[in-house]
Amino acid sequence: MLAFLAKMSDVGYAYLSSGIGAGLTTIGAGIGIGRLAASAMEGIARQPEATAKIQTAMIIAAALIEGIALLCAVICLLLNMK
């Protein structure tokens, strides 16, 4: 394993780091949206009359999380192609 890393060029490190960055971005977005949905379900269970407001806030927050995740993934790919 260490011999393989010693032979990698700068381009290889760029590919490796962009892949790791894109993967971490995807994992982070998945965890964030999962926690958001779980909290929204708990809120709806506690106050069923506030369902519409909770769902609206959840959808907006999920869209913001997805937007940041997409931006981070694009940045990783652009750094990979540089």
PDB file of N, CA and C in Angstrom:
ATOM      1  N   MET A   1       0.828  -1.195   0.000  1.00  0.00           N
ATOM      2  CA  MET A   1       0.000   0.000   0.000  1.00  0.00           C
ATOM      3  C   MET A   1       0.862   1.244   0.000  1.00  0.00           C
ATOM      4  N   LEU A   2       1.850   1.298   0.843  1.00  0.00           N
ATOM      5  CA  LEU A   2       2.695   2.482   0.900  1.00  0.00           C
ATOM      6  C   LEU A   2       3.521   2.649  -0.364  1.00  0.00           C
ATOM      7  N   ALA A   3       3.909   1.518  -0.992  1.00  0.00           N
ATOM      8  CA  ALA A   3       4.656   1.617  -2.242  1.00  0.00           C
ATOM      9  C   ALA A   3       3.785   2.229  -3.337  1.00  0.00           C
ATOM     10  N   PHE A   4       2.510   1.898  -3.330  1.00  0.00           N
ATOM     11  CA  PHE A   4       1.591   2.468  -4.308  1.00  0.00           C
ATOM     12  C   PHE A   4       1.460   3.972  -4.110  1.00  0.00           C
ATOM     13  N   LEU A   5       1.343   4.417  -2.866  1.00  0.00           N
ATOM     14  CA  LEU A   5       1.209   5.843  -2.601  1.00  0.00           C
ATOM     15  C   LEU A   5       2.490   6.599  -2.946  1.00  0.00           C
ATOM     16  N   ALA A   6       3.642   5.944  -2.799  1.00  0.00           N
ATOM     17  CA  ALA A   6       4.910   6.600  -3.119  1.00  0.00           C
ATOM     18  C   ALA A   6       5.044   6.821  -4.618  1.00  0.00           C
ATOM     19  N   LYS A   7       4.432   5.977  -5.443  1.00  0.00           N
ATOM     20  CA  LYS A   7       4.532   6.096  -6.893  1.00  0.00           C
ATOM     21  C   LYS A   7       3.483   7.024  -7.502  1.00  0.00           C
ATOM     22  N   MET A   8       2.521   7.467  -6.706  1.00  0.00           N
ATOM     23  CA  MET A   8       1.471   8.326  -7.242  1.00  0.00           C
ATOM     24  C   MET A   8       2.023   9.704  -7.576  1.00  0.00           C
ATOM     25  N   SER A   9       1.561  10.245  -8.673  1.00  0.00           N
ATOM     26  CA  SER A   9       1.971  11.588  -9.063  1.00  0.00           C
ATOM     27  C   SER A   9       1.019  12.606  -8.456  1.00  0.00           C
ATOM     28  N   ASP A  10       1.257  13.872  -8.754  1.00  0.00           N
ATOM     29  CA  ASP A  10       0.369  14.918  -8.270  1.00  0.00           C
ATOM     30  C   ASP A  10      -1.041  14.761  -8.828  1.00  0.00           C
ATOM     31  N   VAL A  11      -1.140  14.284 -10.058  1.00  0.00           N
ATOM     32  CA  VAL A  11      -2.457  14.069 -10.665  1.00  0.00           C
ATOM     33  C   VAL A  11      -3.201  12.963  -9.923  1.00  0.00           C
ATOM     34  N   GLY A  12      -2.477  11.932  -9.530  1.00  0.00           N
ATOM     35  CA  GLY A  12      -3.100  10.844  -8.773  1.00  0.00           C
ATOM     36  C   GLY A  12      -3.637  11.324  -7.440  1.00  0.00           C
ATOM     37  N   TYR A  13      -2.866  12.184  -6.774  1.00  0.00           N
ATOM     38  CA  TYR A  13      -3.332  12.748  -5.504  1.00  0.00           C
ATOM     39  C   TYR A  13      -4.550  13.646  -5.718  1.00  0.00           C
ATOM     40  N   ALA A  14      -4.595  14.361  -6.834  1.00  0.00           N
ATOM     41  CA  ALA A  14      -5.754  15.206  -7.131  1.00  0.00           C
ATOM     42  C   ALA A  14      -6.999  14.354  -7.336  1.00  0.00           C
ATOM     43  N   TYR A  15      -6.861  13.243  -8.076  1.00  0.00           N
ATOM     44  CA  TYR A  15      -7.996  12.339  -8.276  1.00  0.00           C
ATOM     45  C   TYR A  15      -8.450  11.735  -6.950  1.00  0.00           C
ATOM     46  N   LEU A  16      -7.493  11.317  -6.141  1.00  0.00           N
ATOM     47  CA  LEU A  16      -7.817  10.710  -4.858  1.00  0.00           C
ATOM     48  C   LEU A  16      -8.520  11.699  -3.939  1.00  0.00           C
ATOM     49  N   SER A  17      -7.993  12.895  -3.855  1.00  0.00           N
ATOM     50  CA  SER A  17      -8.590  13.879  -2.947  1.00  0.00           C
ATOM     51  C   SER A  17      -9.966  14.345  -3.430  1.00  0.00           C
ATOM     52  N   SER A  18     -10.152  14.480  -4.739  1.00  0.00           N
ATOM     53  CA  SER A  18     -11.476  14.889  -5.219  1.00  0.00           C
ATOM     54  C   SER A  18     -12.504  13.785  -5.009  1.00  0.00           C
ATOM     55  N   GLY A  19     -12.098  12.538  -5.143  1.00  0.00           N
ATOM     56  CA  GLY A  19     -13.008  11.425  -4.870  1.00  0.00           C
ATOM     57  C   GLY A  19     -13.389  11.360  -3.400  1.00  0.00           C
ATOM     58  N   ILE A  20     -12.420  11.552  -2.536  1.00  0.00           N
ATOM     59  CA  ILE A  20     -12.701  11.550  -1.102  1.00  0.00           C
ATOM     60  C   ILE A  20     -13.595  12.733  -0.740  1.00  0.00           C
ATOM     61  N   GLY A  21     -13.318  13.894  -1.305  1.00  0.00           N
ATOM     62  CA  GLY A  21     -14.125  15.078  -1.021  1.00  0.00           C
ATOM     63  C   GLY A  21     -15.562  14.919  -1.482  1.00  0.00           C
ATOM     64  N   ALA A  22     -15.755  14.383  -2.678  1.00  0.00           N
ATOM     65  CA  ALA A  22     -17.114  14.171  -3.181  1.00  0.00           C
ATOM     66  C   ALA A  22     -17.857  13.133  -2.338  1.00  0.00           C
ATOM     67  N   GLY A  23     -17.146  12.105  -1.912  1.00  0.00           N
ATOM     68  CA  GLY A  23     -17.767  11.088  -1.058  1.00  0.00           C
ATOM     69  C   GLY A  23     -18.171  11.646   0.298  1.00  0.00           C
ATOM     70  N   LEU A  24     -17.304  12.433   0.904  1.00  0.00           N
ATOM     71  CA  LEU A  24     -17.630  13.039   2.194  1.00  0.00           C
ATOM     72  C   LEU A  24     -18.790  14.018   2.069  1.00  0.00           C
ATOM     73  N   THR A  25     -18.838  14.727   0.955  1.00  0.00           N
ATOM     74  CA  THR A  25     -19.955  15.639   0.721  1.00  0.00           C
ATOM     75  C   THR A  25     -21.273  14.877   0.646  1.00  0.00           C
ATOM     76  N   THR A  26     -21.275  13.769  -0.064  1.00  0.00           N
ATOM     77  CA  THR A  26     -22.483  12.961  -0.201  1.00  0.00           C
ATOM     78  C   THR A  26     -22.913  12.375   1.139  1.00  0.00           C
ATOM     79  N   ILE A  27     -21.953  11.877   1.896  1.00  0.00           N
ATOM     80  CA  ILE A  27     -22.269  11.308   3.208  1.00  0.00           C
ATOM     81  C   ILE A  27     -22.817  12.393   4.135  1.00  0.00           C
ATOM     82  N   GLY A  28     -22.187  13.561   4.130  1.00  0.00           N
ATOM     83  CA  GLY A  28     -22.651  14.649   4.983  1.00  0.00           C
ATOM     84  C   GLY A  28     -24.052  15.113   4.634  1.00  0.00           C
ATOM     85  N   ALA A  29     -24.345  15.207   3.351  1.00  0.00           N
ATOM     86  CA  ALA A  29     -25.688  15.621   2.931  1.00  0.00           C
ATOM     87  C   ALA A  29     -26.721  14.567   3.319  1.00  0.00           C
ATOM     88  N   GLY A  30     -26.379  13.308   3.172  1.00  0.00           N
ATOM     89  CA  GLY A  30     -27.303  12.244   3.553  1.00  0.00           C
ATOM     90  C   GLY A  30     -27.605  12.246   5.041  1.00  0.00           C
ATOM     91  N   ILE A  31     -26.568  12.433   5.846  1.00  0.00           N
ATOM     92  CA  ILE A  31     -26.762  12.492   7.296  1.00  0.00           C
ATOM     93  C   ILE A  31     -27.600  13.714   7.665  1.00  0.00           C
ATOM     94  N   GLY A  32     -27.307  14.860   7.053  1.00  0.00           N
ATOM     95  CA  GLY A  32     -28.045  16.080   7.355  1.00  0.00           C
ATOM     96  C   GLY A  32     -29.513  15.981   7.011  1.00  0.00           C
ATOM     97  N   ILE A  33     -29.822  15.458   5.845  1.00  0.00           N
ATOM     98  CA  ILE A  33     -31.222  15.326   5.439  1.00  0.00           C
ATOM     99  C   ILE A  33     -31.923  14.268   6.283  1.00  0.00           C
ATOM    100  N   GLY A  34     -31.219  13.211   6.653  1.00  0.00           N
ATOM    101  CA  GLY A  34     -31.812  12.192   7.520  1.00  0.00           C
ATOM    102  C   GLY A  34     -32.183  12.753   8.887  1.00  0.00           C
ATOM    103  N   ARG A  35     -31.275  13.533   9.454  1.00  0.00           N
ATOM    104  CA  ARG A  35     -31.571  14.147  10.755  1.00  0.00           C
ATOM    105  C   ARG A  35     -32.701  15.160  10.638  1.00  0.00           C
ATOM    106  N   LEU A  36     -32.717  15.889   9.545  1.00  0.00           N
ATOM    107  CA  LEU A  36     -33.781  16.862   9.314  1.00  0.00           C
ATOM    108  C   LEU A  36     -35.140  16.174   9.228  1.00  0.00           C
ATOM    109  N   ALA A  37     -35.212  15.097   8.472  1.00  0.00           N
ATOM    110  CA  ALA A  37     -36.477  14.378   8.324  1.00  0.00           C
ATOM    111  C   ALA A  37     -36.918  13.758   9.649  1.00  0.00           C
ATOM    112  N   ALA A  38     -35.966  13.218  10.410  1.00  0.00           N
ATOM    113  CA  ALA A  38     -36.317  12.619  11.701  1.00  0.00           C
ATOM    114  C   ALA A  38     -36.875  13.674  12.654  1.00  0.00           C
ATOM    115  N   SER A  39     -36.244  14.827  12.680  1.00  0.00           N
ATOM    116  CA  SER A  39     -36.728  15.899  13.551  1.00  0.00           C
ATOM    117  C   SER A  39     -38.103  16.400  13.109  1.00  0.00           C
ATOM    118  N   ALA A  40     -38.312  16.474  11.813  1.00  0.00           N
ATOM    119  CA  ALA A  40     -39.617  16.912  11.308  1.00  0.00           C
ATOM    120  C   ALA A  40     -40.705  15.907  11.667  1.00  0.00           C
ATOM    121  N   MET A  41     -40.402  14.628  11.562  1.00  0.00           N
ATOM    122  CA  MET A  41     -41.392  13.603  11.928  1.00  0.00           C
ATOM    123  C   MET A  41     -41.722  13.674  13.415  1.00  0.00           C
ATOM    124  N   GLU A  42     -40.714  13.915  14.251  1.00  0.00           N
ATOM    125  CA  GLU A  42     -40.981  14.061  15.686  1.00  0.00           C
ATOM    126  C   GLU A  42     -41.849  15.290  15.951  1.00  0.00           C
ATOM    127  N   GLY A  43     -41.567  16.377  15.258  1.00  0.00           N
ATOM    128  CA  GLY A  43     -42.365  17.588  15.425  1.00  0.00           C
ATOM    129  C   GLY A  43     -43.805  17.402  14.977  1.00  0.00           C
ATOM    130  N   ILE A  44     -43.992  16.691  13.876  1.00  0.00           N
ATOM    131  CA  ILE A  44     -45.346  16.427  13.386  1.00  0.00           C
ATOM    132  C   ILE A  44     -46.090  15.510  14.353  1.00  0.00           C
ATOM    133  N   ALA A  45     -45.376  14.552  14.934  1.00  0.00           N
ATOM    134  CA  ALA A  45     -46.014  13.646  15.888  1.00  0.00           C
ATOM    135  C   ALA A  45     -46.454  14.391  17.155  1.00  0.00           C
ATOM    136  N   ARG A  46     -45.678  15.392  17.542  1.00  0.00           N
ATOM    137  CA  ARG A  46     -46.024  16.146  18.754  1.00  0.00           C
ATOM    138  C   ARG A  46     -47.116  17.178  18.505  1.00  0.00           C
ATOM    139  N   GLN A  47     -47.084  17.793  17.314  1.00  0.00           N
ATOM    140  CA  GLN A  47     -48.077  18.827  16.981  1.00  0.00           C
ATOM    141  C   GLN A  47     -48.631  18.580  15.582  1.00  0.00           C
ATOM    142  N   PRO A  48     -49.597  17.710  15.452  1.00  0.00           N
ATOM    143  CA  PRO A  48     -50.139  17.397  14.126  1.00  0.00           C
ATOM    144  C   PRO A  48     -50.762  18.604  13.425  1.00  0.00           C
ATOM    145  N   GLU A  49     -51.231  19.585  14.178  1.00  0.00           N
ATOM    146  CA  GLU A  49     -51.852  20.755  13.533  1.00  0.00           C
ATOM    147  C   GLU A  49     -50.825  21.647  12.855  1.00  0.00           C
ATOM    148  N   ALA A  50     -49.554  21.487  13.161  1.00  0.00           N
ATOM    149  CA  ALA A  50     -48.500  22.301  12.542  1.00  0.00           C
ATOM    150  C   ALA A  50     -47.808  21.565  11.400  1.00  0.00           C
ATOM    151  N   THR A  51     -48.442  20.562  10.854  1.00  0.00           N
ATOM    152  CA  THR A  51     -47.829  19.730   9.816  1.00  0.00           C
ATOM    153  C   THR A  51     -47.413  20.548   8.591  1.00  0.00           C
ATOM    154  N   ALA A  52     -48.272  21.415   8.121  1.00  0.00           N
ATOM    155  CA  ALA A  52     -47.972  22.179   6.897  1.00  0.00           C
ATOM    156  C   ALA A  52     -46.753  23.077   7.085  1.00  0.00           C
ATOM    157  N   LYS A  53     -46.677  23.752   8.228  1.00  0.00           N
ATOM    158  CA  LYS A  53     -45.536  24.637   8.480  1.00  0.00           C
ATOM    159  C   LYS A  53     -44.237  23.845   8.619  1.00  0.00           C
ATOM    160  N   ILE A  54     -44.309  22.698   9.301  1.00  0.00           N
ATOM    161  CA  ILE A  54     -43.114  21.877   9.495  1.00  0.00           C
ATOM    162  C   ILE A  54     -42.639  21.310   8.161  1.00  0.00           C
ATOM    163  N   GLN A  55     -43.570  20.839   7.337  1.00  0.00           N
ATOM    164  CA  GLN A  55     -43.188  20.288   6.038  1.00  0.00           C
ATOM    165  C   GLN A  55     -42.572  21.349   5.139  1.00  0.00           C
ATOM    166  N   THR A  56     -43.123  22.547   5.154  1.00  0.00           N
ATOM    167  CA  THR A  56     -42.574  23.622   4.331  1.00  0.00           C
ATOM    168  C   THR A  56     -41.150  23.959   4.762  1.00  0.00           C
ATOM    169  N   ALA A  57     -40.959  24.092   6.061  1.00  0.00           N
ATOM    170  CA  ALA A  57     -39.621  24.395   6.566  1.00  0.00           C
ATOM    171  C   ALA A  57     -38.653  23.256   6.262  1.00  0.00           C
ATOM    172  N   MET A  58     -39.121  22.018   6.353  1.00  0.00           N
ATOM    173  CA  MET A  58     -38.262  20.870   6.079  1.00  0.00           C
ATOM    174  C   MET A  58     -37.842  20.838   4.608  1.00  0.00           C
ATOM    175  N   ILE A  59     -38.764  21.113   3.711  1.00  0.00           N
ATOM    176  CA  ILE A  59     -38.444  21.079   2.284  1.00  0.00           C
ATOM    177  C   ILE A  59     -37.450  22.186   1.933  1.00  0.00           C
ATOM    178  N   ILE A  60     -37.632  23.364   2.496  1.00  0.00           N
ATOM    179  CA  ILE A  60     -36.697  24.457   2.234  1.00  0.00           C
ATOM    180  C   ILE A  60     -35.308  24.116   2.757  1.00  0.00           C
ATOM    181  N   ALA A  61     -35.237  23.585   3.978  1.00  0.00           N
ATOM    182  CA  ALA A  61     -33.940  23.223   4.555  1.00  0.00           C
ATOM    183  C   ALA A  61     -33.280  22.091   3.763  1.00  0.00           C
ATOM    184  N   ALA A  62     -34.052  21.116   3.328  1.00  0.00           N
ATOM    185  CA  ALA A  62     -33.496  20.018   2.530  1.00  0.00           C
ATOM    186  C   ALA A  62     -32.955  20.532   1.200  1.00  0.00           C
ATOM    187  N   ALA A  63     -33.647  21.480   0.597  1.00  0.00           N
ATOM    188  CA  ALA A  63     -33.165  22.058  -0.661  1.00  0.00           C
ATOM    189  C   ALA A  63     -31.858  22.816  -0.453  1.00  0.00           C
ATOM    190  N   LEU A  64     -31.746  23.525   0.665  1.00  0.00           N
ATOM    191  CA  LEU A  64     -30.501  24.237   0.958  1.00  0.00           C
ATOM    192  C   LEU A  64     -29.349  23.265   1.196  1.00  0.00           C
ATOM    193  N   ILE A  65     -29.618  22.174   1.897  1.00  0.00           N
ATOM    194  CA  ILE A  65     -28.575  21.171   2.128  1.00  0.00           C
ATOM    195  C   ILE A  65     -28.144  20.549   0.808  1.00  0.00           C
ATOM    196  N   GLU A  66     -29.094  20.208  -0.038  1.00  0.00           N
ATOM    197  CA  GLU A  66     -28.761  19.622  -1.343  1.00  0.00           C
ATOM    198  C   GLU A  66     -27.975  20.608  -2.207  1.00  0.00           C
ATOM    199  N   GLY A  67     -28.351  21.891  -2.138  1.00  0.00           N
ATOM    200  CA  GLY A  67     -27.630  22.897  -2.913  1.00  0.00           C
ATOM    201  C   GLY A  67     -26.178  23.009  -2.498  1.00  0.00           C
ATOM    202  N   ILE A  68     -25.929  23.030  -1.197  1.00  0.00           N
ATOM    203  CA  ILE A  68     -24.553  23.089  -0.710  1.00  0.00           C
ATOM    204  C   ILE A  68     -23.791  21.823  -1.082  1.00  0.00           C
ATOM    205  N   ALA A  69     -24.437  20.661  -0.977  1.00  0.00           N
ATOM    206  CA  ALA A  69     -23.785  19.403  -1.336  1.00  0.00           C
ATOM    207  C   ALA A  69     -23.421  19.381  -2.822  1.00  0.00           C
ATOM    208  N   LEU A  70     -24.321  19.859  -3.652  1.00  0.00           N
ATOM    209  CA  LEU A  70     -24.033  19.909  -5.083  1.00  0.00           C
ATOM    210  C   LEU A  70     -22.890  20.870  -5.374  1.00  0.00           C
ATOM    211  N   LEU A  71     -22.889  22.021  -4.729  1.00  0.00           N
ATOM    212  CA  LEU A  71     -21.808  22.986  -4.909  1.00  0.00           C
ATOM    213  C   LEU A  71     -20.468  22.383  -4.501  1.00  0.00           C
ATOM    214  N   CYS A  72     -20.431  21.690  -3.381  1.00  0.00           N
ATOM    215  CA  CYS A  72     -19.188  21.068  -2.922  1.00  0.00           C
ATOM    216  C   CYS A  72     -18.723  19.970  -3.884  1.00  0.00           C
ATOM    217  N   ALA A  73     -19.657  19.184  -4.394  1.00  0.00           N
ATOM    218  CA  ALA A  73     -19.291  18.135  -5.348  1.00  0.00           C
ATOM    219  C   ALA A  73     -18.745  18.744  -6.639  1.00  0.00           C
ATOM    220  N   VAL A  74     -19.339  19.827  -7.099  1.00  0.00           N
ATOM    221  CA  VAL A  74     -18.850  20.498  -8.311  1.00  0.00           C
ATOM    222  C   VAL A  74     -17.459  21.075  -8.076  1.00  0.00           C
ATOM    223  N   ILE A  75     -17.231  21.643  -6.904  1.00  0.00           N
ATOM    224  CA  ILE A  75     -15.907  22.174  -6.589  1.00  0.00           C
ATOM    225  C   ILE A  75     -14.875  21.054  -6.587  1.00  0.00           C
ATOM    226  N   CYS A  76     -15.221  19.896  -6.021  1.00  0.00           N
ATOM    227  CA  CYS A  76     -14.296  18.755  -6.028  1.00  0.00           C
ATOM    228  C   CYS A  76     -13.982  18.317  -7.455  1.00  0.00           C
ATOM    229  N   LEU A  77     -14.993  18.268  -8.299  1.00  0.00           N
ATOM    230  CA  LEU A  77     -14.750  17.849  -9.681  1.00  0.00           C
ATOM    231  C   LEU A  77     -13.944  18.901 -10.456  1.00  0.00           C
ATOM    232  N   LEU A  78     -14.197  20.186 -10.202  1.00  0.00           N
ATOM    233  CA  LEU A  78     -13.419  21.213 -10.879  1.00  0.00           C
ATOM    234  C   LEU A  78     -11.965  21.189 -10.454  1.00  0.00           C
ATOM    235  N   LEU A  79     -11.719  20.943  -9.180  1.00  0.00           N
ATOM    236  CA  LEU A  79     -10.336  20.829  -8.721  1.00  0.00           C
ATOM    237  C   LEU A  79      -9.667  19.597  -9.324  1.00  0.00           C
ATOM    238  N   ASN A  80     -10.451  18.555  -9.581  1.00  0.00           N
ATOM    239  CA  ASN A  80      -9.927  17.356 -10.191  1.00  0.00           C
ATOM    240  C   ASN A  80      -9.485  17.607 -11.633  1.00  0.00           C
ATOM    241  N   MET A  81     -10.206  18.446 -12.348  1.00  0.00           N
ATOM    242  CA  MET A  81      -9.922  18.704 -13.758  1.00  0.00           C
ATOM    243  C   MET A  81      -8.879  19.791 -13.970  1.00  0.00           C
ATOM    244  N   LYS A  82      -8.463  20.447 -12.912  1.00  0.00           N
ATOM    245  CA  LYS A  82      -7.505  21.546 -13.050  1.00  0.00           C
ATOM    246  C   LYS A  82      -6.123  21.067 -13.381  1.00  0.00           C
TER     247      LYS A  82
END
